[in-house]
Amino acid sequence: MRDLVDYIVKSFIGEDNYEIVLVEDGDKVDIRVLVDKDKIAKVIGKGGKIAKSIRTLVRSASRGSDIYYSVFFEER
């Protein structure tokens, strides 16, 4: 799932403007995307639509897996 989030975010803001951190806790994995302050609006989108779409894609791709993925976007 990290690769999927990496590919999507890279297409929006470029390669050097973010960092992805995985936080694992048993069968739950939090994917934290740390984005530069000046680029965070491009990832979240108007009304949060892009962030919601990324979360939906990750949820759909992980369907059938025993691991639950959550995606969070934060400024760094």
PDB file of N, CA and C in Angstrom:
ATOM      1  N   MET A   1       0.802  -1.187   0.000  1.00  0.00           N
ATOM      2  CA  MET A   1       0.000   0.000   0.000  1.00  0.00           C
ATOM      3  C   MET A   1       0.853   1.262   0.000  1.00  0.00           C
ATOM      4  N   ARG A   2       2.038   1.153   0.599  1.00  0.00           N
ATOM      5  CA  ARG A   2       2.940   2.305   0.613  1.00  0.00           C
ATOM      6  C   ARG A   2       3.275   2.739  -0.796  1.00  0.00           C
ATOM      7  N   ASP A   3       3.513   1.773  -1.679  1.00  0.00           N
ATOM      8  CA  ASP A   3       3.855   2.094  -3.055  1.00  0.00           C
ATOM      9  C   ASP A   3       2.703   2.787  -3.781  1.00  0.00           C
ATOM     10  N   LEU A   4       1.495   2.362  -3.512  1.00  0.00           N
ATOM     11  CA  LEU A   4       0.324   2.986  -4.127  1.00  0.00           C
ATOM     12  C   LEU A   4       0.197   4.442  -3.686  1.00  0.00           C
ATOM     13  N   VAL A   5       0.291   4.694  -2.392  1.00  0.00           N
ATOM     14  CA  VAL A   5       0.203   6.063  -1.878  1.00  0.00           C
ATOM     15  C   VAL A   5       1.361   6.905  -2.401  1.00  0.00           C
ATOM     16  N   ASP A   6       2.554   6.321  -2.452  1.00  0.00           N
ATOM     17  CA  ASP A   6       3.730   7.014  -2.968  1.00  0.00           C
ATOM     18  C   ASP A   6       3.512   7.445  -4.416  1.00  0.00           C
ATOM     19  N   TYR A   7       2.999   6.558  -5.235  1.00  0.00           N
ATOM     20  CA  TYR A   7       2.765   6.853  -6.650  1.00  0.00           C
ATOM     21  C   TYR A   7       1.746   7.978  -6.819  1.00  0.00           C
ATOM     22  N   ILE A   8       0.656   7.917  -6.065  1.00  0.00           N
ATOM     23  CA  ILE A   8      -0.401   8.921  -6.206  1.00  0.00           C
ATOM     24  C   ILE A   8       0.075  10.290  -5.739  1.00  0.00           C
ATOM     25  N   VAL A   9       0.701  10.352  -4.567  1.00  0.00           N
ATOM     26  CA  VAL A   9       1.144  11.634  -4.022  1.00  0.00           C
ATOM     27  C   VAL A   9       2.249  12.231  -4.887  1.00  0.00           C
ATOM     28  N   LYS A  10       3.147  11.397  -5.392  1.00  0.00           N
ATOM     29  CA  LYS A  10       4.221  11.876  -6.249  1.00  0.00           C
ATOM     30  C   LYS A  10       3.671  12.525  -7.512  1.00  0.00           C
ATOM     31  N   SER A  11       2.582  12.002  -8.043  1.00  0.00           N
ATOM     32  CA  SER A  11       1.999  12.576  -9.250  1.00  0.00           C
ATOM     33  C   SER A  11       1.377  13.949  -8.995  1.00  0.00           C
ATOM     34  N   PHE A  12       0.987  14.240  -7.754  1.00  0.00           N
ATOM     35  CA  PHE A  12       0.403  15.541  -7.433  1.00  0.00           C
ATOM     36  C   PHE A  12       1.442  16.599  -7.099  1.00  0.00           C
ATOM     37  N   ILE A  13       2.452  16.259  -6.308  1.00  0.00           N
ATOM     38  CA  ILE A  13       3.329  17.315  -5.781  1.00  0.00           C
ATOM     39  C   ILE A  13       4.807  17.135  -6.077  1.00  0.00           C
ATOM     40  N   GLY A  14       5.210  16.101  -6.752  1.00  0.00           N
ATOM     41  CA  GLY A  14       6.626  15.908  -7.029  1.00  0.00           C
ATOM     42  C   GLY A  14       7.296  15.042  -5.977  1.00  0.00           C
ATOM     43  N   GLU A  15       8.555  14.725  -6.237  1.00  0.00           N
ATOM     44  CA  GLU A  15       9.239  13.709  -5.445  1.00  0.00           C
ATOM     45  C   GLU A  15       9.855  14.215  -4.144  1.00  0.00           C
ATOM     46  N   ASP A  16      10.269  15.471  -4.092  1.00  0.00           N
ATOM     47  CA  ASP A  16      11.045  15.953  -2.951  1.00  0.00           C
ATOM     48  C   ASP A  16      10.215  16.666  -1.888  1.00  0.00           C
ATOM     49  N   ASN A  17       8.907  16.691  -2.031  1.00  0.00           N
ATOM     50  CA  ASN A  17       8.082  17.513  -1.157  1.00  0.00           C
ATOM     51  C   ASN A  17       7.316  16.744  -0.089  1.00  0.00           C
ATOM     52  N   TYR A  18       7.605  15.461   0.091  1.00  0.00           N
ATOM     53  CA  TYR A  18       6.860  14.683   1.064  1.00  0.00           C
ATOM     54  C   TYR A  18       7.687  13.504   1.564  1.00  0.00           C
ATOM     55  N   GLU A  19       7.171  12.880   2.623  1.00  0.00           N
ATOM     56  CA  GLU A  19       7.791  11.698   3.214  1.00  0.00           C
ATOM     57  C   GLU A  19       6.660  10.792   3.707  1.00  0.00           C
ATOM     58  N   ILE A  20       6.833   9.485   3.554  1.00  0.00           N
ATOM     59  CA  ILE A  20       5.808   8.540   3.994  1.00  0.00           C
ATOM     60  C   ILE A  20       6.353   7.716   5.151  1.00  0.00           C
ATOM     61  N   VAL A  21       5.583   7.668   6.245  1.00  0.00           N
ATOM     62  CA  VAL A  21       5.968   6.918   7.435  1.00  0.00           C
ATOM     63  C   VAL A  21       4.878   5.881   7.709  1.00  0.00           C
ATOM     64  N   LEU A  22       5.282   4.629   7.919  1.00  0.00           N
ATOM     65  CA  LEU A  22       4.340   3.566   8.266  1.00  0.00           C
ATOM     66  C   LEU A  22       4.393   3.313   9.767  1.00  0.00           C
ATOM     67  N   VAL A  23       3.230   3.257  10.395  1.00  0.00           N
ATOM     68  CA  VAL A  23       3.124   2.952  11.816  1.00  0.00           C
ATOM     69  C   VAL A  23       2.270   1.696  11.922  1.00  0.00           C
ATOM     70  N   GLU A  24       2.908   0.582  12.305  1.00  0.00           N
ATOM     71  CA  GLU A  24       2.212  -0.698  12.366  1.00  0.00           C
ATOM     72  C   GLU A  24       1.834  -1.033  13.807  1.00  0.00           C
ATOM     73  N   ASP A  25       0.616  -1.540  13.962  1.00  0.00           N
ATOM     74  CA  ASP A  25       0.129  -1.944  15.275  1.00  0.00           C
ATOM     75  C   ASP A  25      -0.740  -3.188  15.087  1.00  0.00           C
ATOM     76  N   GLY A  26      -0.107  -4.334  15.068  1.00  0.00           N
ATOM     77  CA  GLY A  26      -0.833  -5.585  14.878  1.00  0.00           C
ATOM     78  C   GLY A  26      -1.396  -5.684  13.473  1.00  0.00           C
ATOM     79  N   ASP A  27      -2.719  -5.730  13.371  1.00  0.00           N
ATOM     80  CA  ASP A  27      -3.350  -5.848  12.058  1.00  0.00           C
ATOM     81  C   ASP A  27      -3.806  -4.495  11.510  1.00  0.00           C
ATOM     82  N   LYS A  28      -3.334  -3.408  12.108  1.00  0.00           N
ATOM     83  CA  LYS A  28      -3.670  -2.063  11.654  1.00  0.00           C
ATOM     84  C   LYS A  28      -2.385  -1.327  11.269  1.00  0.00           C
ATOM     85  N   VAL A  29      -2.399  -0.683  10.101  1.00  0.00           N
ATOM     86  CA  VAL A  29      -1.242   0.076   9.628  1.00  0.00           C
ATOM     87  C   VAL A  29      -1.700   1.495   9.312  1.00  0.00           C
ATOM     88  N   ASP A  30      -1.038   2.473   9.911  1.00  0.00           N
ATOM     89  CA  ASP A  30      -1.297   3.875   9.610  1.00  0.00           C
ATOM     90  C   ASP A  30      -0.232   4.347   8.627  1.00  0.00           C
ATOM     91  N   ILE A  31      -0.666   4.882   7.515  1.00  0.00           N
ATOM     92  CA  ILE A  31       0.244   5.462   6.523  1.00  0.00           C
ATOM     93  C   ILE A  31       0.172   6.968   6.720  1.00  0.00           C
ATOM     94  N   ARG A  32       1.242   7.545   7.216  1.00  0.00           N
ATOM     95  CA  ARG A  32       1.300   8.985   7.466  1.00  0.00           C
ATOM     96  C   ARG A  32       2.114   9.641   6.362  1.00  0.00           C
ATOM     97  N   VAL A  33       1.481  10.556   5.656  1.00  0.00           N
ATOM     98  CA  VAL A  33       2.131  11.294   4.579  1.00  0.00           C
ATOM     99  C   VAL A  33       2.462  12.678   5.112  1.00  0.00           C
ATOM    100  N   LEU A  34       3.741  12.945   5.297  1.00  0.00           N
ATOM    101  CA  LEU A  34       4.205  14.233   5.807  1.00  0.00           C
ATOM    102  C   LEU A  34       4.567  15.109   4.608  1.00  0.00           C
ATOM    103  N   VAL A  35       3.795  16.173   4.401  1.00  0.00           N
ATOM    104  CA  VAL A  35       3.913  17.007   3.212  1.00  0.00           C
ATOM    105  C   VAL A  35       4.424  18.384   3.617  1.00  0.00           C
ATOM    106  N   ASP A  36       5.252  18.981   2.742  1.00  0.00           N
ATOM    107  CA  ASP A  36       5.718  20.345   2.991  1.00  0.00           C
ATOM    108  C   ASP A  36       4.543  21.299   3.118  1.00  0.00           C
ATOM    109  N   LYS A  37       4.742  22.335   3.912  1.00  0.00           N
ATOM    110  CA  LYS A  37       3.665  23.267   4.238  1.00  0.00           C
ATOM    111  C   LYS A  37       3.066  23.928   2.992  1.00  0.00           C
ATOM    112  N   ASP A  38       3.895  24.259   2.018  1.00  0.00           N
ATOM    113  CA  ASP A  38       3.390  24.955   0.836  1.00  0.00           C
ATOM    114  C   ASP A  38       2.722  24.026  -0.180  1.00  0.00           C
ATOM    115  N   LYS A  39       2.797  22.713  -0.004  1.00  0.00           N
ATOM    116  CA  LYS A  39       2.212  21.753  -0.943  1.00  0.00           C
ATOM    117  C   LYS A  39       1.029  20.973  -0.368  1.00  0.00           C
ATOM    118  N   ILE A  40       0.713  21.170   0.903  1.00  0.00           N
ATOM    119  CA  ILE A  40      -0.323  20.369   1.548  1.00  0.00           C
ATOM    120  C   ILE A  40      -1.694  20.580   0.904  1.00  0.00           C
ATOM    121  N   ALA A  41      -1.959  21.778   0.402  1.00  0.00           N
ATOM    122  CA  ALA A  41      -3.262  22.061  -0.210  1.00  0.00           C
ATOM    123  C   ALA A  41      -3.476  21.251  -1.483  1.00  0.00           C
ATOM    124  N   LYS A  42      -2.406  20.977  -2.212  1.00  0.00           N
ATOM    125  CA  LYS A  42      -2.536  20.183  -3.435  1.00  0.00           C
ATOM    126  C   LYS A  42      -2.908  18.736  -3.136  1.00  0.00           C
ATOM    127  N   VAL A  43      -2.450  18.217  -2.019  1.00  0.00           N
ATOM    128  CA  VAL A  43      -2.736  16.824  -1.669  1.00  0.00           C
ATOM    129  C   VAL A  43      -4.127  16.690  -1.057  1.00  0.00           C
ATOM    130  N   ILE A  44      -4.533  17.647  -0.249  1.00  0.00           N
ATOM    131  CA  ILE A  44      -5.845  17.570   0.386  1.00  0.00           C
ATOM    132  C   ILE A  44      -6.949  17.908  -0.609  1.00  0.00           C
ATOM    133  N   GLY A  45      -6.729  18.901  -1.434  1.00  0.00           N
ATOM    134  CA  GLY A  45      -7.712  19.267  -2.448  1.00  0.00           C
ATOM    135  C   GLY A  45      -8.826  20.127  -1.892  1.00  0.00           C
ATOM    136  N   LYS A  46      -9.656  20.602  -2.780  1.00  0.00           N
ATOM    137  CA  LYS A  46     -10.762  21.481  -2.407  1.00  0.00           C
ATOM    138  C   LYS A  46     -11.813  20.680  -1.640  1.00  0.00           C
ATOM    139  N   GLY A  47     -12.014  21.041  -0.395  1.00  0.00           N
ATOM    140  CA  GLY A  47     -12.985  20.342   0.434  1.00  0.00           C
ATOM    141  C   GLY A  47     -12.541  18.951   0.846  1.00  0.00           C
ATOM    142  N   GLY A  48     -11.261  18.633   0.671  1.00  0.00           N
ATOM    143  CA  GLY A  48     -10.747  17.326   1.068  1.00  0.00           C
ATOM    144  C   GLY A  48     -11.037  16.209   0.081  1.00  0.00           C
ATOM    145  N   LYS A  49     -11.431  16.563  -1.138  1.00  0.00           N
ATOM    146  CA  LYS A  49     -11.835  15.550  -2.114  1.00  0.00           C
ATOM    147  C   LYS A  49     -10.694  14.639  -2.546  1.00  0.00           C
ATOM    148  N   ILE A  50      -9.503  15.195  -2.739  1.00  0.00           N
ATOM    149  CA  ILE A  50      -8.372  14.369  -3.187  1.00  0.00           C
ATOM    150  C   ILE A  50      -7.941  13.428  -2.069  1.00  0.00           C
ATOM    151  N   ALA A  51      -7.853  13.929  -0.846  1.00  0.00           N
ATOM    152  CA  ALA A  51      -7.475  13.079   0.288  1.00  0.00           C
ATOM    153  C   ALA A  51      -8.483  11.950   0.478  1.00  0.00           C
ATOM    154  N   LYS A  52      -9.753  12.256   0.348  1.00  0.00           N
ATOM    155  CA  LYS A  52     -10.789  11.243   0.486  1.00  0.00           C
ATOM    156  C   LYS A  52     -10.674  10.200  -0.620  1.00  0.00           C
ATOM    157  N   SER A  53     -10.352  10.632  -1.828  1.00  0.00           N
ATOM    158  CA  SER A  53     -10.189   9.701  -2.946  1.00  0.00           C
ATOM    159  C   SER A  53      -9.003   8.773  -2.739  1.00  0.00           C
ATOM    160  N   ILE A  54      -7.907   9.310  -2.215  1.00  0.00           N
ATOM    161  CA  ILE A  54      -6.728   8.483  -1.934  1.00  0.00           C
ATOM    162  C   ILE A  54      -7.069   7.443  -0.874  1.00  0.00           C
ATOM    163  N   ARG A  55      -7.783   7.839   0.164  1.00  0.00           N
ATOM    164  CA  ARG A  55      -8.191   6.896   1.210  1.00  0.00           C
ATOM    165  C   ARG A  55      -9.103   5.807   0.643  1.00  0.00           C
ATOM    166  N   THR A  56      -9.997   6.180  -0.267  1.00  0.00           N
ATOM    167  CA  THR A  56     -10.895   5.206  -0.889  1.00  0.00           C
ATOM    168  C   THR A  56     -10.125   4.212  -1.735  1.00  0.00           C
ATOM    169  N   LEU A  57      -9.142   4.685  -2.497  1.00  0.00           N
ATOM    170  CA  LEU A  57      -8.322   3.789  -3.312  1.00  0.00           C
ATOM    171  C   LEU A  57      -7.551   2.798  -2.453  1.00  0.00           C
ATOM    172  N   VAL A  58      -6.990   3.266  -1.351  1.00  0.00           N
ATOM    173  CA  VAL A  58      -6.238   2.381  -0.459  1.00  0.00           C
ATOM    174  C   VAL A  58      -7.170   1.353   0.173  1.00  0.00           C
ATOM    175  N   ARG A  59      -8.346   1.785   0.593  1.00  0.00           N
ATOM    176  CA  ARG A  59      -9.314   0.863   1.186  1.00  0.00           C
ATOM    177  C   ARG A  59      -9.743  -0.201   0.174  1.00  0.00           C
ATOM    178  N   SER A  60      -9.969   0.213  -1.068  1.00  0.00           N
ATOM    179  CA  SER A  60     -10.373  -0.742  -2.111  1.00  0.00           C
ATOM    180  C   SER A  60      -9.255  -1.709  -2.460  1.00  0.00           C
ATOM    181  N   ALA A  61      -8.028  -1.218  -2.525  1.00  0.00           N
ATOM    182  CA  ALA A  61      -6.894  -2.074  -2.868  1.00  0.00           C
ATOM    183  C   ALA A  61      -6.590  -3.072  -1.762  1.00  0.00           C
ATOM    184  N   SER A  62      -6.914  -2.733  -0.522  1.00  0.00           N
ATOM    185  CA  SER A  62      -6.611  -3.634   0.590  1.00  0.00           C
ATOM    186  C   SER A  62      -7.767  -4.572   0.924  1.00  0.00           C
ATOM    187  N   ARG A  63      -8.845  -4.471   0.195  1.00  0.00           N
ATOM    188  CA  ARG A  63      -9.999  -5.344   0.446  1.00  0.00           C
ATOM    189  C   ARG A  63      -9.587  -6.803   0.282  1.00  0.00           C
ATOM    190  N   GLY A  64      -9.980  -7.636   1.180  1.00  0.00           N
ATOM    191  CA  GLY A  64      -9.607  -9.040   1.156  1.00  0.00           C
ATOM    192  C   GLY A  64      -8.344  -9.330   1.941  1.00  0.00           C
ATOM    193  N   SER A  65      -7.669  -8.289   2.375  1.00  0.00           N
ATOM    194  CA  SER A  65      -6.461  -8.441   3.177  1.00  0.00           C
ATOM    195  C   SER A  65      -6.843  -8.476   4.657  1.00  0.00           C
ATOM    196  N   ASP A  66      -5.998  -9.072   5.467  1.00  0.00           N
ATOM    197  CA  ASP A  66      -6.236  -9.121   6.904  1.00  0.00           C
ATOM    198  C   ASP A  66      -5.786  -7.855   7.613  1.00  0.00           C
ATOM    199  N   ILE A  67      -5.147  -6.958   6.871  1.00  0.00           N
ATOM    200  CA  ILE A  67      -4.597  -5.737   7.459  1.00  0.00           C
ATOM    201  C   ILE A  67      -5.492  -4.557   7.089  1.00  0.00           C
ATOM    202  N   TYR A  68      -5.789  -3.701   8.089  1.00  0.00           N
ATOM    203  CA  TYR A  68      -6.594  -2.498   7.878  1.00  0.00           C
ATOM    204  C   TYR A  68      -5.641  -1.309   7.730  1.00  0.00           C
ATOM    205  N   TYR A  69      -5.771  -0.557   6.641  1.00  0.00           N
ATOM    206  CA  TYR A  69      -4.904   0.584   6.364  1.00  0.00           C
ATOM    207  C   TYR A  69      -5.660   1.888   6.565  1.00  0.00           C
ATOM    208  N   SER A  70      -4.997   2.863   7.181  1.00  0.00           N
ATOM    209  CA  SER A  70      -5.516   4.224   7.331  1.00  0.00           C
ATOM    210  C   SER A  70      -4.494   5.187   6.759  1.00  0.00           C
ATOM    211  N   VAL A  71      -4.949   6.226   6.096  1.00  0.00           N
ATOM    212  CA  VAL A  71      -4.046   7.211   5.495  1.00  0.00           C
ATOM    213  C   VAL A  71      -4.291   8.564   6.158  1.00  0.00           C
ATOM    214  N   PHE A  72      -3.209   9.202   6.625  1.00  0.00           N
ATOM    215  CA  PHE A  72      -3.277  10.515   7.250  1.00  0.00           C
ATOM    216  C   PHE A  72      -2.332  11.460   6.530  1.00  0.00           C
ATOM    217  N   PHE A  73      -2.746  12.709   6.366  1.00  0.00           N
ATOM    218  CA  PHE A  73      -1.917  13.734   5.735  1.00  0.00           C
ATOM    219  C   PHE A  73      -1.598  14.792   6.770  1.00  0.00           C
ATOM    220  N   GLU A  74      -0.296  15.116   6.907  1.00  0.00           N
ATOM    221  CA  GLU A  74       0.146  16.076   7.914  1.00  0.00           C
ATOM    222  C   GLU A  74       1.199  16.987   7.312  1.00  0.00           C
ATOM    223  N   GLU A  75       1.294  18.213   7.864  1.00  0.00           N
ATOM    224  CA  GLU A  75       2.357  19.137   7.465  1.00  0.00           C
ATOM    225  C   GLU A  75       3.647  18.755   8.160  1.00  0.00           C
ATOM    226  N   ARG A  76       4.754  19.011   7.499  1.00  0.00           N
ATOM    227  CA  ARG A  76       6.048  18.799   8.164  1.00  0.00           C
ATOM    228  C   ARG A  76       6.844  20.070   8.176  1.00  0.00           C
TER     229      ARG A  76
END
